[in-house]
C-alpha atoms as a PDB file:
ATOM      1  CA  MET A   1      20.444   5.706 -29.595  1.00  0.00           C
ATOM      2  CA  VAL A   2      21.955   7.171 -26.436  1.00  0.00           C
ATOM      3  CA  GLY A   3      19.522   7.631 -23.572  1.00  0.00           C
ATOM      4  CA  HIS A   4      18.939   7.215 -19.868  1.00  0.00           C
ATOM      5  CA  ALA A   5      18.495   3.917 -18.024  1.00  0.00           C
ATOM      6  CA  PHE A   6      16.810   3.329 -14.678  1.00  0.00           C
ATOM      7  CA  ILE A   7      18.145   0.082 -13.206  1.00  0.00           C
ATOM      8  CA  THR A   8      16.910  -1.344  -9.929  1.00  0.00           C
ATOM      9  CA  ALA A   9      19.447  -3.170  -7.733  1.00  0.00           C
ATOM     10  CA  GLY A  10      22.218  -2.251 -10.133  1.00  0.00           C
ATOM     11  CA  THR A  11      25.148  -1.657  -7.784  1.00  0.00           C
ATOM     12  CA  LYS A  12      26.239  -5.278  -7.456  1.00  0.00           C
ATOM     13  CA  GLY A  13      25.599  -8.783  -8.748  1.00  0.00           C
ATOM     14  CA  LEU A  14      23.828  -9.229 -12.074  1.00  0.00           C
ATOM     15  CA  GLY A  15      22.637  -5.647 -11.977  1.00  0.00           C
ATOM     16  CA  LEU A  16      26.158  -4.257 -11.782  1.00  0.00           C
ATOM     17  CA  LYS A  17      27.155  -5.748 -15.124  1.00  0.00           C
ATOM     18  CA  VAL A  18      24.071  -4.200 -16.729  1.00  0.00           C
ATOM     19  CA  THR A  19      24.885  -0.820 -15.205  1.00  0.00           C
ATOM     20  CA  GLU A  20      28.440  -1.008 -16.516  1.00  0.00           C
ATOM     21  CA  ALA A  21      27.224  -2.057 -19.965  1.00  0.00           C
ATOM     22  CA  PHE A  22      24.915   0.941 -20.260  1.00  0.00           C
ATOM     23  CA  ILE A  23      27.578   3.388 -19.120  1.00  0.00           C
ATOM     24  CA  ASN A  24      30.217   1.855 -21.391  1.00  0.00           C
ATOM     25  CA  SER A  25      27.771   2.253 -24.296  1.00  0.00           C
ATOM     26  CA  GLY A  26      27.477   5.989 -23.646  1.00  0.00           C
ATOM     27  CA  HIS A  27      24.206   6.070 -21.717  1.00  0.00           C
ATOM     28  CA  THR A  28      23.521   7.802 -18.420  1.00  0.00           C
ATOM     29  CA  VAL A  29      22.193   5.666 -15.578  1.00  0.00           C
ATOM     30  CA  SER A  30      20.144   6.006 -12.419  1.00  0.00           C
ATOM     31  CA  VAL A  31      20.777   2.914 -10.336  1.00  0.00           C
ATOM     32  CA  THR A  32      19.149   1.857  -7.091  1.00  0.00           C
ATOM     33  CA  TYR A  33      20.312  -0.213  -4.142  1.00  0.00           C
ATOM     34  CA  TYR A  34      18.562  -1.586  -1.086  1.00  0.00           C
ATOM     35  CA  SER A  35      20.981  -1.878   1.835  1.00  0.00           C
ATOM     36  CA  ASP A  36      24.609  -2.395   0.794  1.00  0.00           C
ATOM     37  CA  LYS A  37      25.873   1.187   1.126  1.00  0.00           C
ATOM     38  CA  GLU A  38      29.497   0.139   0.730  1.00  0.00           C
ATOM     39  CA  ARG A  39      29.015  -1.353  -2.732  1.00  0.00           C
ATOM     40  CA  ALA A  40      26.820   1.567  -3.719  1.00  0.00           C
ATOM     41  CA  LYS A  41      29.567   3.982  -2.703  1.00  0.00           C
ATOM     42  CA  GLU A  42      32.172   2.005  -4.647  1.00  0.00           C
ATOM     43  CA  LEU A  43      30.124   2.322  -7.816  1.00  0.00           C
ATOM     44  CA  GLU A  44      29.337   5.968  -7.162  1.00  0.00           C
ATOM     45  CA  THR A  45      33.025   6.852  -6.901  1.00  0.00           C
ATOM     46  CA  ALA A  46      33.881   4.926 -10.067  1.00  0.00           C
ATOM     47  CA  TYR A  47      31.932   7.227 -12.385  1.00  0.00           C
ATOM     48  CA  PRO A  48      31.269  10.994 -12.553  1.00  0.00           C
ATOM     49  CA  ASN A  49      27.864  12.198 -11.351  1.00  0.00           C
ATOM     50  CA  THR A  50      27.156  13.496 -14.836  1.00  0.00           C
ATOM     51  CA  VAL A  51      26.898   9.874 -15.927  1.00  0.00           C
ATOM     52  CA  LEU A  52      25.700   7.960 -12.878  1.00  0.00           C
ATOM     53  CA  GLU A  53      23.218   8.583 -10.071  1.00  0.00           C
ATOM     54  CA  VAL A  54      22.900   6.141  -7.140  1.00  0.00           C
ATOM     55  CA  ILE A  55      19.566   6.085  -5.277  1.00  0.00           C
ATOM     56  CA  PRO A  56      18.566   4.086  -2.176  1.00  0.00           C
ATOM     57  CA  LEU A  57      15.299   2.243  -2.817  1.00  0.00           C
ATOM     58  CA  ASP A  58      13.091  -0.365  -1.208  1.00  0.00           C
ATOM     59  CA  VAL A  59      11.129  -1.622  -4.216  1.00  0.00           C
ATOM     60  CA  SER A  60       8.340  -2.902  -1.989  1.00  0.00           C
ATOM     61  CA  SER A  61       7.437   0.712  -1.130  1.00  0.00           C
ATOM     62  CA  GLN A  62       5.244   2.568  -3.615  1.00  0.00           C
ATOM     63  CA  GLU A  63       6.173   5.922  -2.098  1.00  0.00           C
ATOM     64  CA  ALA A  64       9.896   5.162  -2.350  1.00  0.00           C
ATOM     65  CA  ILE A  65       9.470   4.212  -6.017  1.00  0.00           C
ATOM     66  CA  GLU A  66       7.714   7.509  -6.742  1.00  0.00           C
ATOM     67  CA  THR A  67      10.538   9.438  -5.079  1.00  0.00           C
ATOM     68  CA  ALA A  68      13.286   7.523  -6.907  1.00  0.00           C
ATOM     69  CA  VAL A  69      11.734   7.956 -10.347  1.00  0.00           C
ATOM     70  CA  HIS A  70      11.103  11.650  -9.701  1.00  0.00           C
ATOM     71  CA  GLN A  71      14.734  12.098  -8.649  1.00  0.00           C
ATOM     72  CA  ALA A  72      16.012  10.367 -11.784  1.00  0.00           C
ATOM     73  CA  VAL A  73      13.820  12.438 -14.093  1.00  0.00           C
ATOM     74  CA  GLN A  74      14.771  15.649 -12.314  1.00  0.00           C
ATOM     75  CA  LYS A  75      18.465  14.941 -12.904  1.00  0.00           C
ATOM     76  CA  PHE A  76      18.474  13.378 -16.374  1.00  0.00           C
ATOM     77  CA  GLY A  77      15.180  14.524 -17.899  1.00  0.00           C
ATOM     78  CA  THR A  78      13.785  11.183 -18.996  1.00  0.00           C
ATOM     79  CA  ILE A  79      13.847   7.420 -18.567  1.00  0.00           C
ATOM     80  CA  ASP A  80      14.286   5.564 -21.853  1.00  0.00           C
ATOM     81  CA  TYR A  81      15.190   2.148 -20.460  1.00  0.00           C
ATOM     82  CA  LEU A  82      13.551   0.575 -17.401  1.00  0.00           C
ATOM     83  CA  ILE A  83      15.464  -2.459 -16.162  1.00  0.00           C
ATOM     84  CA  ASN A  84      13.675  -4.253 -13.328  1.00  0.00           C
ATOM     85  CA  ASN A  85      16.507  -6.275 -11.857  1.00  0.00           C
ATOM     86  CA  ALA A  86      15.527  -6.012  -8.168  1.00  0.00           C
ATOM     87  CA  GLY A  87      13.360  -8.686  -6.592  1.00  0.00           C
ATOM     88  CA  PRO A  88      13.331 -10.173  -3.088  1.00  0.00           C
ATOM     89  CA  PHE A  89      14.393 -13.826  -3.095  1.00  0.00           C
ATOM     90  CA  ILE A  90      14.141 -16.243  -0.183  1.00  0.00           C
ATOM     91  CA  PHE A  91      17.244 -18.426  -0.347  1.00  0.00           C
ATOM     92  CA  GLU A  92      15.985 -21.049   2.067  1.00  0.00           C
ATOM     93  CA  ARG A  93      14.159 -23.801   0.199  1.00  0.00           C
ATOM     94  CA  LYS A  94      10.805 -24.598   1.815  1.00  0.00           C
ATOM     95  CA  ASN A  95       7.251 -25.572   1.059  1.00  0.00           C
ATOM     96  CA  LEU A  96       4.572 -22.963   0.506  1.00  0.00           C
ATOM     97  CA  MET A  97       2.922 -23.838   3.825  1.00  0.00           C
ATOM     98  CA  ASP A  98       6.128 -22.903   5.626  1.00  0.00           C
ATOM     99  CA  TYR A  99       6.256 -19.359   4.268  1.00  0.00           C
ATOM    100  CA  THR A 100       5.272 -16.559   6.609  1.00  0.00           C
ATOM    101  CA  GLU A 101       2.835 -13.902   5.458  1.00  0.00           C
ATOM    102  CA  GLY A 102       5.685 -11.423   5.563  1.00  0.00           C
ATOM    103  CA  GLU A 103       7.823 -13.532   3.234  1.00  0.00           C
ATOM    104  CA  TRP A 104       4.916 -13.977   0.823  1.00  0.00           C
ATOM    105  CA  ASN A 105       4.119 -10.268   0.811  1.00  0.00           C
ATOM    106  CA  SER A 106       7.764  -9.372   0.299  1.00  0.00           C
ATOM    107  CA  ALA A 107       8.041 -11.681  -2.707  1.00  0.00           C
ATOM    108  CA  VAL A 108       4.883 -10.422  -4.380  1.00  0.00           C
ATOM    109  CA  ARG A 109       5.368  -6.742  -3.624  1.00  0.00           C
ATOM    110  CA  GLY A 110       9.025  -6.726  -4.570  1.00  0.00           C
ATOM    111  CA  ASN A 111       8.822  -8.861  -7.723  1.00  0.00           C
ATOM    112  CA  LEU A 112       5.389  -7.998  -9.127  1.00  0.00           C
ATOM    113  CA  ASP A 113       3.795  -4.939  -7.527  1.00  0.00           C
ATOM    114  CA  ALA A 114       7.033  -2.950  -7.813  1.00  0.00           C
ATOM    115  CA  VAL A 115       7.100  -3.380 -11.587  1.00  0.00           C
ATOM    116  CA  PHE A 116       3.496  -2.161 -11.844  1.00  0.00           C
ATOM    117  CA  HIS A 117       4.344   1.003  -9.892  1.00  0.00           C
ATOM    118  CA  LEU A 118       7.504   1.616 -11.931  1.00  0.00           C
ATOM    119  CA  LEU A 119       5.620   1.178 -15.189  1.00  0.00           C
ATOM    120  CA  LYS A 120       2.936   3.618 -14.058  1.00  0.00           C
ATOM    121  CA  ARG A 121       5.619   6.248 -13.530  1.00  0.00           C
ATOM    122  CA  THR A 122       7.703   5.683 -16.661  1.00  0.00           C
ATOM    123  CA  ILE A 123       5.402   4.567 -19.481  1.00  0.00           C
ATOM    124  CA  PRO A 124       3.592   7.940 -19.928  1.00  0.00           C
ATOM    125  CA  ALA A 125       6.854   9.742 -20.782  1.00  0.00           C
ATOM    126  CA  MET A 126       7.934   6.869 -23.039  1.00  0.00           C
ATOM    127  CA  ARG A 127       4.656   7.273 -24.905  1.00  0.00           C
ATOM    128  CA  GLU A 128       5.293  10.972 -25.427  1.00  0.00           C
ATOM    129  CA  GLN A 129       8.725  10.360 -26.929  1.00  0.00           C
ATOM    130  CA  ARG A 130       7.465   7.288 -28.792  1.00  0.00           C
ATOM    131  CA  PHE A 131      10.315   5.155 -27.550  1.00  0.00           C
ATOM    132  CA  GLY A 132      10.882   2.979 -24.520  1.00  0.00           C
ATOM    133  CA  ARG A 133      12.415  -0.306 -23.495  1.00  0.00           C
ATOM    134  CA  VAL A 134      11.315  -2.364 -20.499  1.00  0.00           C
ATOM    135  CA  VAL A 135      13.243  -5.445 -19.397  1.00  0.00           C
ATOM    136  CA  ASN A 136      11.989  -7.551 -16.501  1.00  0.00           C
ATOM    137  CA  TYR A 137      13.732 -10.505 -14.865  1.00  0.00           C
ATOM    138  CA  GLY A 138      12.212 -13.959 -14.447  1.00  0.00           C
ATOM    139  CA  PHE A 139      13.407 -17.530 -14.031  1.00  0.00           C
ATOM    140  CA  GLN A 140      13.993 -20.321 -16.536  1.00  0.00           C
ATOM    141  CA  ALA A 141      10.842 -21.122 -18.540  1.00  0.00           C
ATOM    142  CA  ALA A 142       8.740 -18.805 -16.362  1.00  0.00           C
ATOM    143  CA  HIS A 143       6.235 -18.514 -19.204  1.00  0.00           C
ATOM    144  CA  THR A 144       5.595 -22.279 -19.257  1.00  0.00           C
ATOM    145  CA  ALA A 145       6.494 -23.380 -15.714  1.00  0.00           C
ATOM    146  CA  ALA A 146       3.679 -25.133 -13.916  1.00  0.00           C
ATOM    147  CA  GLY A 147       5.442 -24.586 -10.604  1.00  0.00           C
ATOM    148  CA  TRP A 148       8.783 -24.500  -8.840  1.00  0.00           C
ATOM    149  CA  LYS A 149       9.120 -26.742  -5.821  1.00  0.00           C
ATOM    150  CA  ASN A 150      10.253 -24.956  -2.652  1.00  0.00           C
ATOM    151  CA  ARG A 151      10.248 -21.594  -4.462  1.00  0.00           C
ATOM    152  CA  ALA A 152       6.489 -21.014  -4.562  1.00  0.00           C
ATOM    153  CA  ALA A 153       6.328 -17.355  -3.506  1.00  0.00           C
ATOM    154  CA  PHE A 154       9.069 -16.182  -5.852  1.00  0.00           C
ATOM    155  CA  ALA A 155       7.761 -18.332  -8.710  1.00  0.00           C
ATOM    156  CA  ALA A 156       4.172 -17.137  -8.308  1.00  0.00           C
ATOM    157  CA  ALA A 157       5.258 -13.504  -8.425  1.00  0.00           C
ATOM    158  CA  LYS A 158       7.501 -14.016 -11.457  1.00  0.00           C
ATOM    159  CA  VAL A 159       4.891 -16.000 -13.395  1.00  0.00           C
ATOM    160  CA  GLY A 160       2.497 -13.140 -12.716  1.00  0.00           C
ATOM    161  CA  LEU A 161       5.205 -10.833 -14.039  1.00  0.00           C
ATOM    162  CA  VAL A 162       5.307 -12.852 -17.263  1.00  0.00           C
ATOM    163  CA  SER A 163       1.688 -11.937 -17.905  1.00  0.00           C
ATOM    164  CA  LEU A 164       2.297  -8.317 -16.950  1.00  0.00           C
ATOM    165  CA  THR A 165       5.295  -8.172 -19.292  1.00  0.00           C
ATOM    166  CA  LYS A 166       3.345  -9.584 -22.211  1.00  0.00           C
ATOM    167  CA  SER A 167       0.307  -7.424 -21.517  1.00  0.00           C
ATOM    168  CA  ILE A 168       2.258  -4.167 -21.426  1.00  0.00           C
ATOM    169  CA  ALA A 169       4.138  -5.244 -24.556  1.00  0.00           C
ATOM    170  CA  TYR A 170       0.901  -5.669 -26.490  1.00  0.00           C
ATOM    171  CA  GLU A 171      -0.700  -2.520 -25.124  1.00  0.00           C
ATOM    172  CA  GLU A 172       2.265  -0.208 -25.711  1.00  0.00           C
ATOM    173  CA  ALA A 173       3.647  -1.547 -28.993  1.00  0.00           C
ATOM    174  CA  ALA A 174       1.952   1.189 -31.014  1.00  0.00           C
ATOM    175  CA  HIS A 175       3.794   3.786 -28.918  1.00  0.00           C
ATOM    176  CA  GLY A 176       7.257   2.453 -29.799  1.00  0.00           C
ATOM    177  CA  ILE A 177       7.656   0.716 -26.448  1.00  0.00           C
ATOM    178  CA  THR A 178       8.823  -2.873 -26.048  1.00  0.00           C
ATOM    179  CA  ALA A 179       8.715  -5.093 -22.959  1.00  0.00           C
ATOM    180  CA  ASN A 180      10.553  -8.374 -22.553  1.00  0.00           C
ATOM    181  CA  MET A 181      11.691 -10.755 -19.840  1.00  0.00           C
ATOM    182  CA  VAL A 182      15.201 -12.121 -19.364  1.00  0.00           C
ATOM    183  CA  CYS A 183      15.515 -15.332 -17.350  1.00  0.00           C
ATOM    184  CA  PRO A 184      18.986 -15.966 -15.870  1.00  0.00           C
ATOM    185  CA  GLY A 185      20.163 -19.499 -15.246  1.00  0.00           C
ATOM    186  CA  ASP A 186      22.047 -20.717 -12.189  1.00  0.00           C
ATOM    187  CA  ILE A 187      24.416 -17.766 -11.846  1.00  0.00           C
ATOM    188  CA  THR A 188      25.825 -17.665  -8.340  1.00  0.00           C
ATOM    189  CA  GLY A 189      28.682 -16.223  -6.293  1.00  0.00           C
ATOM    190  CA  GLU A 190      31.480 -14.498  -8.159  1.00  0.00           C
ATOM    191  CA  MET A 191      29.934 -15.395 -11.507  1.00  0.00           C
ATOM    192  CA  LYS A 192      27.291 -12.721 -11.028  1.00  0.00           C
ATOM    193  CA  GLU A 193      29.928 -10.074 -11.650  1.00  0.00           C
ATOM    194  CA  ALA A 194      32.221 -12.147 -13.868  1.00  0.00           C
ATOM    195  CA  THR A 195      32.959 -11.883 -17.561  1.00  0.00           C
ATOM    196  CA  ILE A 196      32.310 -14.546 -20.162  1.00  0.00           C
ATOM    197  CA  ASP A 197      36.054 -14.981 -20.738  1.00  0.00           C
ATOM    198  CA  TYR A 198      36.557 -15.699 -17.046  1.00  0.00           C
ATOM    199  CA  SER A 199      33.775 -18.295 -16.947  1.00  0.00           C
ATOM    200  CA  ARG A 200      35.401 -20.165 -19.822  1.00  0.00           C
ATOM    201  CA  MET A 201      38.423 -20.728 -17.600  1.00  0.00           C
ATOM    202  CA  VAL A 202      36.252 -22.322 -14.899  1.00  0.00           C
ATOM    203  CA  PRO A 203      34.670 -25.536 -16.269  1.00  0.00           C
ATOM    204  CA  ASP A 204      31.129 -26.269 -15.090  1.00  0.00           C
ATOM    205  CA  GLN A 205      30.097 -29.843 -15.811  1.00  0.00           C
ATOM    206  CA  ALA A 206      26.522 -29.263 -14.634  1.00  0.00           C
ATOM    207  CA  THR A 207      25.841 -26.755 -17.415  1.00  0.00           C
ATOM    208  CA  PRO A 208      25.524 -28.305 -20.890  1.00  0.00           C
ATOM    209  CA  ILE A 209      27.634 -25.655 -22.630  1.00  0.00           C
ATOM    210  CA  GLY A 210      30.444 -26.377 -20.168  1.00  0.00           C
ATOM    211  CA  ARG A 211      30.665 -23.068 -18.343  1.00  0.00           C
ATOM    212  CA  SER A 212      28.615 -21.101 -15.857  1.00  0.00           C
ATOM    213  CA  GLY A 213      26.492 -18.186 -16.878  1.00  0.00           C
ATOM    214  CA  THR A 214      27.753 -14.733 -15.881  1.00  0.00           C
ATOM    215  CA  GLY A 215      26.584 -11.216 -15.322  1.00  0.00           C
ATOM    216  CA  GLU A 216      28.034 -10.344 -18.707  1.00  0.00           C
ATOM    217  CA  ASP A 217      25.746 -12.893 -20.383  1.00  0.00           C
ATOM    218  CA  ILE A 218      22.725 -11.172 -18.857  1.00  0.00           C
ATOM    219  CA  ALA A 219      24.019  -7.692 -19.651  1.00  0.00           C
ATOM    220  CA  ARG A 220      24.594  -8.588 -23.317  1.00  0.00           C
ATOM    221  CA  THR A 221      21.029  -9.863 -23.585  1.00  0.00           C
ATOM    222  CA  VAL A 222      19.567  -6.786 -21.923  1.00  0.00           C
ATOM    223  CA  MET A 223      21.577  -4.430 -24.128  1.00  0.00           C
ATOM    224  CA  PHE A 224      20.416  -6.213 -27.279  1.00  0.00           C
ATOM    225  CA  LEU A 225      16.767  -5.917 -26.253  1.00  0.00           C
ATOM    226  CA  CYS A 226      17.264  -2.200 -25.603  1.00  0.00           C
ATOM    227  CA  GLU A 227      18.569  -1.417 -29.072  1.00  0.00           C
ATOM    228  CA  LYS A 228      16.409   0.810 -31.258  1.00  0.00           C
ATOM    229  CA  ASP A 229      16.301  -1.831 -33.983  1.00  0.00           C
ATOM    230  CA  ALA A 230      15.264  -4.590 -31.562  1.00  0.00           C
ATOM    231  CA  ASP A 231      11.675  -3.332 -31.696  1.00  0.00           C
ATOM    232  CA  MET A 232      10.483  -6.509 -33.428  1.00  0.00           C
ATOM    233  CA  ILE A 233      11.165  -8.393 -30.202  1.00  0.00           C
ATOM    234  CA  THR A 234       8.504  -7.629 -27.617  1.00  0.00           C
ATOM    235  CA  GLY A 235       6.466  -9.758 -25.238  1.00  0.00           C
ATOM    236  CA  SER A 236       9.239 -12.363 -25.307  1.00  0.00           C
ATOM    237  CA  VAL A 237      10.655 -14.453 -22.465  1.00  0.00           C
ATOM    238  CA  ILE A 238      14.312 -15.255 -23.087  1.00  0.00           C
ATOM    239  CA  ASP A 239      16.158 -17.954 -21.141  1.00  0.00           C
ATOM    240  CA  VAL A 240      19.875 -17.403 -20.584  1.00  0.00           C
ATOM    241  CA  THR A 241      20.767 -20.721 -19.001  1.00  0.00           C
ATOM    242  CA  GLY A 242      23.423 -22.465 -21.104  1.00  0.00           C
ATOM    243  CA  GLY A 243      20.970 -25.347 -21.479  1.00  0.00           C
ATOM    244  CA  LEU A 244      20.754 -26.045 -17.734  1.00  0.00           C
ATOM    245  CA  ASP A 245      17.350 -27.003 -16.327  1.00  0.00           C
ATOM    246  CA  VAL A 246      17.362 -24.669 -13.345  1.00  0.00           C
ATOM    247  CA  VAL A 247      13.851 -25.402 -12.086  1.00  0.00           C
ATOM    248  CA  HIS A 248      14.286 -29.171 -11.826  1.00  0.00           C
ATOM    249  CA  GLN A 249      17.932 -29.397 -10.793  1.00  0.00           C
ATOM    250  CA  THR A 250      18.675 -30.980  -7.428  1.00  0.00           C
ATOM    251  CA  ARG A 251      21.898 -29.176  -6.487  1.00  0.00           C
END
């Protein structure tokens, strides 16, 4: 089934590989970016505007989300696939007591509240057409993790998103809508935009399968979940880690 995908933070990193996968599969895409105008422009010039639309978006702003979704629907008519890739992440490792209120609010609004607002503006149309696919991003074992040391704000928001993902999956199943969570492993640096073939040429002893995860690994998982015949899979949390324990690693 060819349709239209709305992908947040899809102009670079893990999101870029998902954007490319949708376009290469014949879908049209509305993709958002936060601040990197140069990368957004690069992607915009790579594809015709009949296929791709690039929209600036701060996912922590409800008003900005409303505007972005409206713009996408105005151009392409519908949103069949909602891919919630964006999510503020604080790279500095620190205890919960060392977080500022601003950092906490950014993590929760960007990783949890944003998905709620996007669902509110896309699910009704998915119901009408009796088809929709929602894919949210988490972290390894987010559905069973008791906590993540030095990542408390991000972890709390994503664990809340697990419940939201499962809840919307149960509530919307009768309307032909699925919702799942993909949990990337330790994919960093150039590997975010790398292919699987490339990663196999760069041994990674820390990962049990012997190579790093890549953006292509995530994109392949997302594309599978978005297939029409993948409707039996909903409310699931899928780790894509190569066997690496991301939460408890020390590096």
